[in-house]
Each structure stands twice: as structure tokens, then as C-alpha cells.
Amino acid sequence: MIKVLVVDDSALVRKLLGRVLSEEPEFKVEFARDGLEALAQLETFKPDVVTLDVQMPKMNGLECLDRIMVQRPCPVVMVSTVTEQGAEATLEALRLGAVDFVAKPSGAVSLRMHEFAPSFKEKVRAAAAARLPASHRLKERVHFRAGGALPARLPASHVETLTDSKPLAGDGLVLVGTSTGGPPALEALLAPLPSTFAWPILIAQHMPAGFTGPLAKRLAGLCDLDVQEVAHPTPLEAGCVYIGRGDADLVVSKRPSGLIAMSVPPKREYPWHPSTDRLVRSAMEHLSPARLVGVLMTGMGNDGADAMATLRAKGGATIAESEETAIVWGMPGELVRAGGAAYVLALPRIAQRLQKLVPHAAPP
């Protein structure tokens, strides 16, 4: 049984979300009208997952999330509007500790619940199994509990390497796939990389349209690389990061002037978008696998595992985030189980490995 606390100031939305979850016998649902009621329910209902509206009276979703992560940490799925303001608040929520989000259906919400319901239930299930970092907000939790016995167990720095690392030759690309828990993982990946990083980085982060642009803007402000959302054919350049546009796929193509990134309509055979599998396969059409590095980080499902296993079998380098740091060890776990990961690394070590694998840029 998964106990879910639905927090929303709209009685209609509470009713609709509760109805969707109640369709499945595995969910037990309770409700709160605002952040203050939600905090009280933490101790009485003890939810396994909280779904949390961003905009609420008395205490908004971000303030409530901040308190949850200190008072009684549990997986939180944000319910957000598809607006620039809503996207920015959602990205901030992911930074504060939310594991995922869903976009509210636009227009007449009740008429679009059949489209919304499958993804919502899938994300709540995944959140229930998500791993919250033991060290997140640790000092504040200890303070909140007034010295209660809370184990200060930090994530280990274990690194499993399956092959020796040496710089790859020539020009190439880094291909990154993420889903649930991805935005904070992308911050950890990109922030340590210098502006002189020699290869372009292409990222397929599962997100709806309207969220990937703000994500690119946020990442650009947190790292030394040039980060942009790919909305039209864009030449690939060293020191640049290319984020796939939501609800579309990101692919590599070639023109006489060189390689480009393109946003293309999704294909039926790829269930997640932007698709990591499709990104990796498109890159292998134009570059030798020996000039590609695949990185698969936190996320539910198996997107990217098959294509990156093929990449590894053909001589490319692949990195899977380790289970100890992944919020959801779905995508990287599938790559490891397929024998396709050349390196299995804790999140803080992935950027270090990339800098060892990718040759240094020539001095200007």
C-alpha cells in the first residue's frame, strides 16, 4: 500500500487527483488544502508520497516543500502549471528536494484527466520507490529534532571502474540522458566543467515543452558552459551544452559545415521524450563510437540503456550513475544490468571522469 497525501487548494483538483489514484488498489489517499494542513498530516497520516501544488494560500508549495524536507523527508511530486513562472518554481522545487513533477492539464482540467492520469500514477509509483539522499538538509533536520538520534550517514564515495580511463582521440560528443531527479543531477554534472571543455554536450532530459527552456536558462547561470535549448538546427561547438526541447526529440545531424543538433517530432517507437535512445543512435550515424561518451543518470524506465549498451559494444565509452546517488536507479540500472556501463560512478565523480576521458582543448 502506497499512502499518498494530495495537497492542493482547489477542491476540484483534489477530487480529480484523488479519483485518479483511487482507481488503483495500491494507493491510499488523504488530502490537505494548504501547506499548513499538509505539515500536520505528515505526523498523523505519515505519507509515502506527497503531491504538492505550487501556488497555495497561507503557505505555498515551495515553503511547504522546504519544511517537509526538514520536518519529515519523504518523496514529493510537484503539480505545476505550464507557464514560465510555474516552470521556474518547479525547477526550484527540484533543487529543494522534490523528486519529480507533473504539469497540470490546461483548460478544462476534468476533460483532460484521461491523458494526465497514466503519467501521474506512474510518477507517484516511481516517487514511492525513490531514494532521498541521506545527507540532504541533515544539519537542519538534526536541529529541528532537537538533538534526536538521527544517523549522520553520508553517501559513500565508492567508485566502480570496469576499464582504465584514458583520453579519447579527436573531436567527439558527450550524450547525456536523465529523467526523474534529473535537473539537480545535471547541475552536479555541469557545474564542475570548465568553459574550455573540448566536446559539445547534448542532453535528453524527459520534460514537457515549456520546462526545458527555463531549465537551460537555470543551468546556464550555474556553470561556465554555454547552455541553450535546441529549438532549431544549431551548429555543435565545444564548450556548449544543448538541451533537447520538451515533447520533442533531440538528434544529431550533419551538414557540409559540420554537425548540428536538431529538435524533431517524436516517434511512436520511442516512448519517452526527449529520447536518449534516439539521441545516441543518431550520433552513431555520424560519428565513430570511439568518439562518443554516453552518460546515463537518474530516471525511471530504461530509456538510453539499449542504445548506450550498443555504443559500448562498438567501442564507445559509457558512464552509469551508481545506485547510491541516483534518486531513481531505473535508466542507469538497466544499463549496468545489460553490461553496457564502462564506468559506474557516484554522481560527484562523473564530471571528473568526463574531464579524464575528453581530451583537453588546445590553448587559444
Protein backbone atom coordinates (compact mmCIF):
# COMPACT_ATOMS: atom_id res chain seq x y z
CA MET A 1 0.00 0.00 0.00
CA ILE A 2 1.33 3.44 -1.00
CA LYS A 3 0.00 6.25 1.18
CA VAL A 4 -0.34 9.46 -0.86
CA LEU A 5 -1.09 12.91 0.54
CA VAL A 6 -2.65 15.15 -2.12
CA VAL A 7 -2.10 18.83 -1.31
CA ASP A 8 -3.99 21.43 -3.36
CA ASP A 9 -6.12 24.47 -2.50
CA SER A 10 -8.63 23.61 -5.26
CA ALA A 11 -11.40 21.25 -4.13
CA LEU A 12 -11.92 20.20 -7.77
CA VAL A 13 -8.27 19.33 -8.30
CA ARG A 14 -8.14 17.39 -5.02
CA LYS A 15 -11.20 15.44 -6.09
CA LEU A 16 -9.84 14.66 -9.56
CA LEU A 17 -6.36 13.64 -8.37
CA GLY A 18 -7.89 11.52 -5.62
CA ARG A 19 -10.18 9.83 -8.13
CA VAL A 20 -7.24 9.01 -10.43
CA LEU A 21 -5.24 7.44 -7.61
CA SER A 22 -8.24 5.60 -6.15
CA GLU A 23 -8.61 3.71 -9.43
CA GLU A 24 -5.63 1.61 -8.29
CA PRO A 25 -5.94 -0.55 -5.14
CA GLU A 26 -2.30 0.08 -4.20
CA PHE A 27 -2.94 3.74 -3.29
CA LYS A 28 -4.42 5.04 -0.06
CA VAL A 29 -5.18 8.76 -0.37
CA GLU A 30 -5.65 11.61 2.09
CA PHE A 31 -5.97 15.34 1.34
CA ALA A 32 -4.77 18.73 2.56
CA ARG A 33 -6.00 22.17 1.44
CA ASP A 34 -2.75 24.06 2.01
CA GLY A 35 0.81 23.74 3.25
CA LEU A 36 -0.08 24.09 6.93
CA GLU A 37 -2.58 21.23 6.76
CA ALA A 38 -0.01 19.17 4.86
CA LEU A 39 2.61 19.59 7.60
CA ALA A 40 0.10 18.45 10.22
CA GLN A 41 -0.71 15.36 8.10
CA LEU A 42 2.96 14.38 7.96
CA GLU A 43 2.80 13.18 11.55
CA THR A 44 -0.72 11.72 11.53
CA PHE A 45 -1.04 10.12 8.09
CA LYS A 46 2.71 9.53 7.56
CA PRO A 47 2.52 9.55 3.74
CA ASP A 48 4.90 7.62 1.50
CA VAL A 49 4.49 10.29 -1.22
CA VAL A 50 3.20 13.87 -1.21
CA THR A 51 1.79 15.53 -4.34
CA LEU A 52 2.13 19.26 -3.84
CA ASP A 53 0.60 22.20 -5.67
CA VAL A 54 2.97 25.12 -6.23
CA GLN A 55 0.51 28.00 -5.74
CA MET A 56 -1.47 27.86 -2.47
CA PRO A 57 -2.62 30.31 0.21
CA LYS A 58 -1.17 30.52 3.76
CA MET A 59 1.94 28.53 2.81
CA ASN A 60 2.85 27.97 -0.83
CA GLY A 61 4.24 24.78 -2.29
CA LEU A 62 7.90 25.81 -2.12
CA GLU A 63 7.63 26.87 1.52
CA CYS A 64 5.81 23.65 2.36
CA LEU A 65 8.37 21.53 0.50
CA ASP A 66 11.18 23.28 2.35
CA ARG A 67 9.56 22.33 5.67
CA ILE A 68 8.83 18.74 4.60
CA MET A 69 12.48 18.15 3.74
CA VAL A 70 13.43 19.20 7.28
CA GLN A 71 10.46 18.01 9.35
CA ARG A 72 9.83 14.58 7.81
CA PRO A 73 11.61 13.97 4.49
CA CYS A 74 9.59 11.93 2.01
CA PRO A 75 9.29 11.84 -1.79
CA VAL A 76 7.40 14.84 -3.18
CA VAL A 77 5.89 15.19 -6.67
CA MET A 78 5.13 18.81 -7.57
CA VAL A 79 1.96 19.64 -9.53
CA SER A 80 2.78 22.66 -11.67
CA THR A 81 1.20 24.93 -14.25
CA VAL A 82 2.85 25.08 -17.67
CA THR A 83 3.91 28.72 -17.53
CA GLU A 84 7.33 30.33 -17.32
CA GLN A 85 6.68 31.23 -13.68
CA GLY A 86 5.40 27.73 -12.95
CA ALA A 87 8.43 26.15 -14.66
CA GLU A 88 10.89 28.25 -12.67
CA ALA A 89 9.13 27.40 -9.40
CA THR A 90 9.17 23.71 -10.34
CA LEU A 91 12.90 23.74 -11.04
CA GLU A 92 13.47 25.42 -7.69
CA ALA A 93 11.35 22.71 -6.07
CA LEU A 94 13.52 20.02 -7.65
CA ARG A 95 16.57 21.77 -6.24
CA LEU A 96 14.96 21.84 -2.78
CA GLY A 97 14.39 18.09 -2.85
CA ALA A 98 11.25 17.22 -4.84
CA VAL A 99 11.86 14.05 -6.85
CA ASP A 100 9.62 14.83 -9.83
CA PHE A 101 6.77 16.94 -11.15
CA VAL A 102 3.69 16.71 -13.31
CA ALA A 103 2.20 19.50 -15.40
CA LYS A 104 -1.45 20.28 -14.70
CA PRO A 105 -3.67 19.79 -17.73
CA SER A 106 -4.52 23.14 -19.28
CA GLY A 107 -8.05 24.38 -19.98
CA ALA A 108 -10.90 22.31 -18.59
CA VAL A 109 -8.90 20.07 -16.27
CA SER A 110 -11.64 17.48 -15.79
CA LEU A 111 -11.89 16.86 -19.55
CA ARG A 112 -8.19 16.02 -19.91
CA MET A 113 -7.68 13.77 -16.91
CA HIS A 114 -7.66 10.64 -19.09
CA GLU A 115 -4.49 11.98 -20.75
CA PHE A 116 -2.98 13.06 -17.46
CA ALA A 117 -3.82 10.00 -15.33
CA PRO A 118 -1.33 7.35 -16.61
CA SER A 119 1.72 9.59 -16.26
CA PHE A 120 0.56 10.87 -12.87
CA LYS A 121 0.15 7.36 -11.44
CA GLU A 122 3.46 6.23 -12.92
CA LYS A 123 5.30 9.16 -11.34
CA VAL A 124 3.70 8.62 -7.93
CA ARG A 125 4.73 4.94 -8.04
CA ALA A 126 8.28 5.88 -9.02
CA ALA A 127 8.42 8.51 -6.28
CA ALA A 128 7.39 5.92 -3.68
CA ALA A 129 10.48 3.91 -4.61
CA ALA A 130 12.79 6.92 -4.91
CA ARG A 131 15.93 7.23 -2.82
CA LEU A 132 16.28 10.52 -0.92
CA PRO A 133 19.92 11.45 -0.19
CA ALA A 134 20.64 10.74 3.48
CA SER A 135 22.71 13.91 3.76
CA HIS A 136 20.10 16.29 2.32
CA ARG A 137 19.41 19.10 4.83
CA LEU A 138 20.96 16.92 7.54
CA LYS A 139 22.06 19.71 9.91
CA GLU A 140 18.67 21.35 9.75
CA ARG A 141 16.89 18.07 10.44
CA VAL A 142 19.06 17.42 13.47
CA HIS A 143 18.33 20.92 14.73
CA PHE A 144 14.60 20.51 14.11
CA ARG A 145 14.52 17.31 16.11
CA ALA A 146 16.38 18.99 18.99
CA GLY A 147 19.20 16.51 19.09
CA GLY A 148 17.17 13.37 18.35
CA ALA A 149 19.07 10.28 17.28
CA LEU A 150 19.32 10.87 13.55
CA PRO A 151 22.12 8.91 11.84
CA ALA A 152 24.56 11.17 10.03
CA ARG A 153 25.19 8.68 7.24
CA LEU A 154 26.53 10.38 4.16
CA PRO A 155 26.51 8.75 0.72
CA ALA A 156 29.66 6.76 0.16
CA SER A 157 32.17 7.83 -2.45
CA HIS A 158 32.56 4.33 -3.86
CA VAL A 159 33.53 4.28 -7.50
CA GLU A 160 33.43 1.13 -9.57
CA THR A 161 35.54 1.23 -12.72
CA LEU A 162 35.28 -1.52 -15.27
CA THR A 163 38.03 -0.26 -17.53
CA ASP A 164 41.03 2.02 -17.27
CA SER A 165 40.37 5.55 -18.44
CA LYS A 166 42.49 7.38 -20.95
CA PRO A 167 41.70 10.41 -23.11
CA LEU A 168 39.81 9.65 -26.30
CA ALA A 169 41.24 10.87 -29.57
CA GLY A 170 39.91 13.63 -31.81
CA ASP A 171 36.67 15.55 -31.74
CA GLY A 172 33.54 13.97 -30.35
CA LEU A 173 30.33 14.37 -28.38
CA VAL A 174 29.07 13.72 -24.87
CA LEU A 175 25.49 12.37 -24.82
CA VAL A 176 23.54 12.58 -21.56
CA GLY A 177 20.20 11.02 -20.61
CA THR A 178 18.20 11.82 -17.46
CA SER A 179 14.62 11.65 -16.21
CA THR A 180 13.26 11.62 -12.65
CA GLY A 181 15.65 13.59 -10.43
CA GLY A 182 17.50 14.85 -13.49
CA PRO A 183 17.71 18.65 -13.07
CA PRO A 184 19.72 18.57 -9.81
CA ALA A 185 21.89 15.79 -11.26
CA LEU A 186 22.56 17.93 -14.33
CA GLU A 187 23.64 20.80 -12.07
CA ALA A 188 26.11 18.47 -10.34
CA LEU A 189 27.39 17.23 -13.69
CA LEU A 190 27.86 20.58 -15.43
CA ALA A 191 28.94 22.91 -12.62
CA PRO A 192 32.49 21.47 -12.30
CA LEU A 193 33.20 21.52 -16.05
CA PRO A 194 35.35 24.41 -17.36
CA SER A 195 34.37 26.69 -20.22
CA THR A 196 37.25 25.12 -22.16
CA PHE A 197 35.63 21.66 -22.13
CA ALA A 198 36.54 20.38 -25.58
CA TRP A 199 33.42 18.50 -26.70
CA PRO A 200 29.79 19.60 -27.10
CA ILE A 201 27.37 18.06 -24.58
CA LEU A 202 23.86 17.05 -25.70
CA ILE A 203 21.21 16.34 -23.07
CA ALA A 204 17.92 14.45 -23.31
CA GLN A 205 16.03 15.28 -20.10
CA HIS A 206 12.50 13.91 -20.00
CA MET A 207 10.32 17.02 -19.63
CA PRO A 208 7.27 18.60 -21.21
CA ALA A 209 7.56 21.60 -23.51
CA GLY A 210 7.64 24.81 -21.51
CA PHE A 211 10.05 23.46 -18.92
CA THR A 212 13.23 22.74 -20.89
CA GLY A 213 13.78 26.41 -21.81
CA PRO A 214 13.78 27.53 -18.15
CA LEU A 215 15.95 24.51 -17.32
CA ALA A 216 18.55 25.61 -19.89
CA LYS A 217 18.44 29.16 -18.52
CA ARG A 218 18.91 27.94 -14.94
CA LEU A 219 21.82 25.66 -15.86
CA ALA A 220 23.48 28.46 -17.83
CA GLY A 221 23.53 30.56 -14.67
CA LEU A 222 25.11 27.78 -12.64
CA CYS A 223 28.02 26.69 -14.82
CA ASP A 224 30.77 28.13 -17.04
CA LEU A 225 29.48 26.43 -20.18
CA ASP A 226 27.10 28.00 -22.68
CA VAL A 227 23.75 26.22 -22.21
CA GLN A 228 20.85 26.51 -24.64
CA GLU A 229 17.59 24.78 -25.50
CA VAL A 230 17.58 23.42 -29.07
CA ALA A 231 14.57 24.91 -30.85
CA HIS A 232 16.01 25.00 -34.40
CA PRO A 233 19.01 23.47 -36.23
CA THR A 234 22.06 24.52 -34.21
CA PRO A 235 25.78 24.00 -35.01
CA LEU A 236 27.60 22.00 -32.35
CA GLU A 237 30.51 23.80 -30.69
CA ALA A 238 32.99 22.98 -27.95
CA GLY A 239 32.17 24.40 -24.53
CA CYS A 240 28.44 24.36 -25.27
CA VAL A 241 25.56 22.34 -23.84
CA TYR A 242 22.43 21.57 -25.87
CA ILE A 243 19.17 20.72 -24.06
CA GLY A 244 16.53 18.84 -26.03
CA ARG A 245 13.20 20.67 -26.29
CA GLY A 246 10.38 19.11 -24.27
CA ASP A 247 7.81 16.90 -26.03
CA ALA A 248 10.19 16.53 -28.98
CA ASP A 249 13.39 14.57 -29.64
CA LEU A 250 16.96 15.80 -29.90
CA VAL A 251 19.05 14.30 -32.71
CA VAL A 252 22.45 14.80 -34.26
CA SER A 253 22.58 15.54 -37.98
CA LYS A 254 25.25 16.61 -40.44
CA ARG A 255 25.57 19.48 -42.89
CA PRO A 256 28.51 20.50 -45.09
CA SER A 257 29.54 22.95 -42.37
CA GLY A 258 29.63 20.25 -39.69
CA LEU A 259 27.50 18.52 -37.09
CA ILE A 260 24.28 20.12 -35.87
CA ALA A 261 21.69 19.46 -33.16
CA MET A 262 18.06 19.36 -34.25
CA SER A 263 14.71 19.24 -32.48
CA VAL A 264 12.46 16.78 -34.34
CA PRO A 265 8.93 15.46 -33.78
CA PRO A 266 8.75 12.37 -31.53
CA LYS A 267 8.45 8.90 -33.00
CA ARG A 268 5.99 6.27 -31.76
CA GLU A 269 8.72 3.67 -31.17
CA TYR A 270 10.40 5.89 -28.56
CA PRO A 271 8.08 6.19 -25.52
CA TRP A 272 9.97 8.90 -23.60
CA HIS A 273 10.83 12.39 -24.82
CA PRO A 274 13.29 13.82 -25.44
CA SER A 275 14.51 10.29 -26.17
CA THR A 276 18.00 9.28 -25.04
CA ASP A 277 17.94 6.16 -27.22
CA ARG A 278 17.16 8.19 -30.32
CA LEU A 279 19.81 10.80 -29.48
CA VAL A 280 22.55 8.18 -29.07
CA ARG A 281 21.58 6.28 -32.21
CA SER A 282 21.52 9.46 -34.28
CA ALA A 283 25.02 10.37 -33.06
CA MET A 284 26.36 6.93 -34.03
CA GLU A 285 25.12 7.53 -37.59
CA HIS A 286 27.59 10.40 -37.98
CA LEU A 287 30.50 9.67 -35.63
CA SER A 288 32.56 6.62 -34.75
CA PRO A 289 31.52 5.17 -31.36
CA ALA A 290 35.11 5.74 -30.23
CA ARG A 291 34.37 9.49 -30.43
CA LEU A 292 31.28 9.34 -28.24
CA VAL A 293 30.76 9.27 -24.47
CA GLY A 294 27.34 8.28 -23.15
CA VAL A 295 26.23 9.28 -19.65
CA LEU A 296 23.05 7.80 -18.16
CA MET A 297 21.87 9.25 -14.85
CA THR A 298 18.87 9.08 -12.54
CA GLY A 299 15.48 8.28 -14.07
CA MET A 300 12.68 5.74 -14.18
CA GLY A 301 12.32 3.34 -17.08
CA ASN A 302 15.03 2.16 -19.43
CA ASP A 303 15.44 4.97 -21.98
CA GLY A 304 19.01 5.07 -23.22
CA ALA A 305 20.09 1.71 -21.83
CA ASP A 306 19.79 -0.22 -25.09
CA ALA A 307 21.45 2.41 -27.29
CA MET A 308 24.28 3.02 -24.81
CA ALA A 309 24.89 -0.71 -24.43
CA THR A 310 25.26 -0.83 -28.22
CA LEU A 311 27.56 2.17 -28.08
CA ARG A 312 29.75 0.42 -25.51
CA ALA A 313 29.82 -2.84 -27.52
CA LYS A 314 31.06 -0.90 -30.56
CA GLY A 315 33.91 0.77 -28.67
CA GLY A 316 32.35 3.87 -27.13
CA ALA A 317 32.74 4.97 -23.51
CA THR A 318 29.68 4.85 -21.24
CA ILE A 319 29.05 6.04 -17.69
CA ALA A 320 26.13 4.99 -15.46
CA GLU A 321 25.30 6.84 -12.26
CA SER A 322 25.63 4.47 -9.31
CA GLU A 323 22.66 3.32 -7.27
CA GLU A 324 23.92 5.06 -4.13
CA THR A 325 23.36 8.56 -5.55
CA ALA A 326 20.59 8.08 -8.14
CA ILE A 327 17.15 9.27 -7.00
CA VAL A 328 15.68 6.51 -9.18
CA TRP A 329 18.10 3.83 -10.38
CA GLY A 330 15.99 2.83 -13.36
CA MET A 331 17.75 4.03 -16.51
CA PRO A 332 21.35 3.69 -15.25
CA GLY A 333 20.49 0.41 -13.52
CA GLU A 334 19.23 -1.05 -16.80
CA LEU A 335 22.48 -0.05 -18.49
CA VAL A 336 24.52 -1.75 -15.77
CA ARG A 337 22.39 -4.91 -15.91
CA ALA A 338 22.86 -5.01 -19.70
CA GLY A 339 26.63 -4.96 -19.23
CA GLY A 340 26.82 -1.67 -21.11
CA ALA A 341 28.43 0.57 -18.50
CA ALA A 342 32.18 1.08 -18.80
CA TYR A 343 32.09 3.10 -15.56
CA VAL A 344 29.61 3.05 -12.67
CA LEU A 345 30.16 6.24 -10.71
CA ALA A 346 28.65 8.21 -7.86
CA LEU A 347 27.24 11.50 -9.17
CA PRO A 348 30.03 13.76 -7.82
CA ARG A 349 32.62 11.69 -9.73
CA ILE A 350 31.03 11.75 -13.18
CA ALA A 351 32.33 15.21 -14.14
CA GLN A 352 35.82 14.18 -13.04
CA ARG A 353 35.70 11.12 -15.27
CA LEU A 354 34.48 13.17 -18.23
CA GLN A 355 37.44 15.51 -17.87
CA LYS A 356 39.76 12.49 -17.96
CA LEU A 357 38.04 10.93 -20.97
CA VAL A 358 37.64 14.04 -23.13
CA PRO A 359 40.91 15.45 -24.49
CA HIS A 360 41.82 18.93 -23.28
CA ALA A 361 41.08 21.80 -25.62
CA ALA A 362 44.04 23.27 -27.44
CA PRO A 363 45.18 26.59 -25.95
CA PRO A 364 43.94 29.68 -27.84
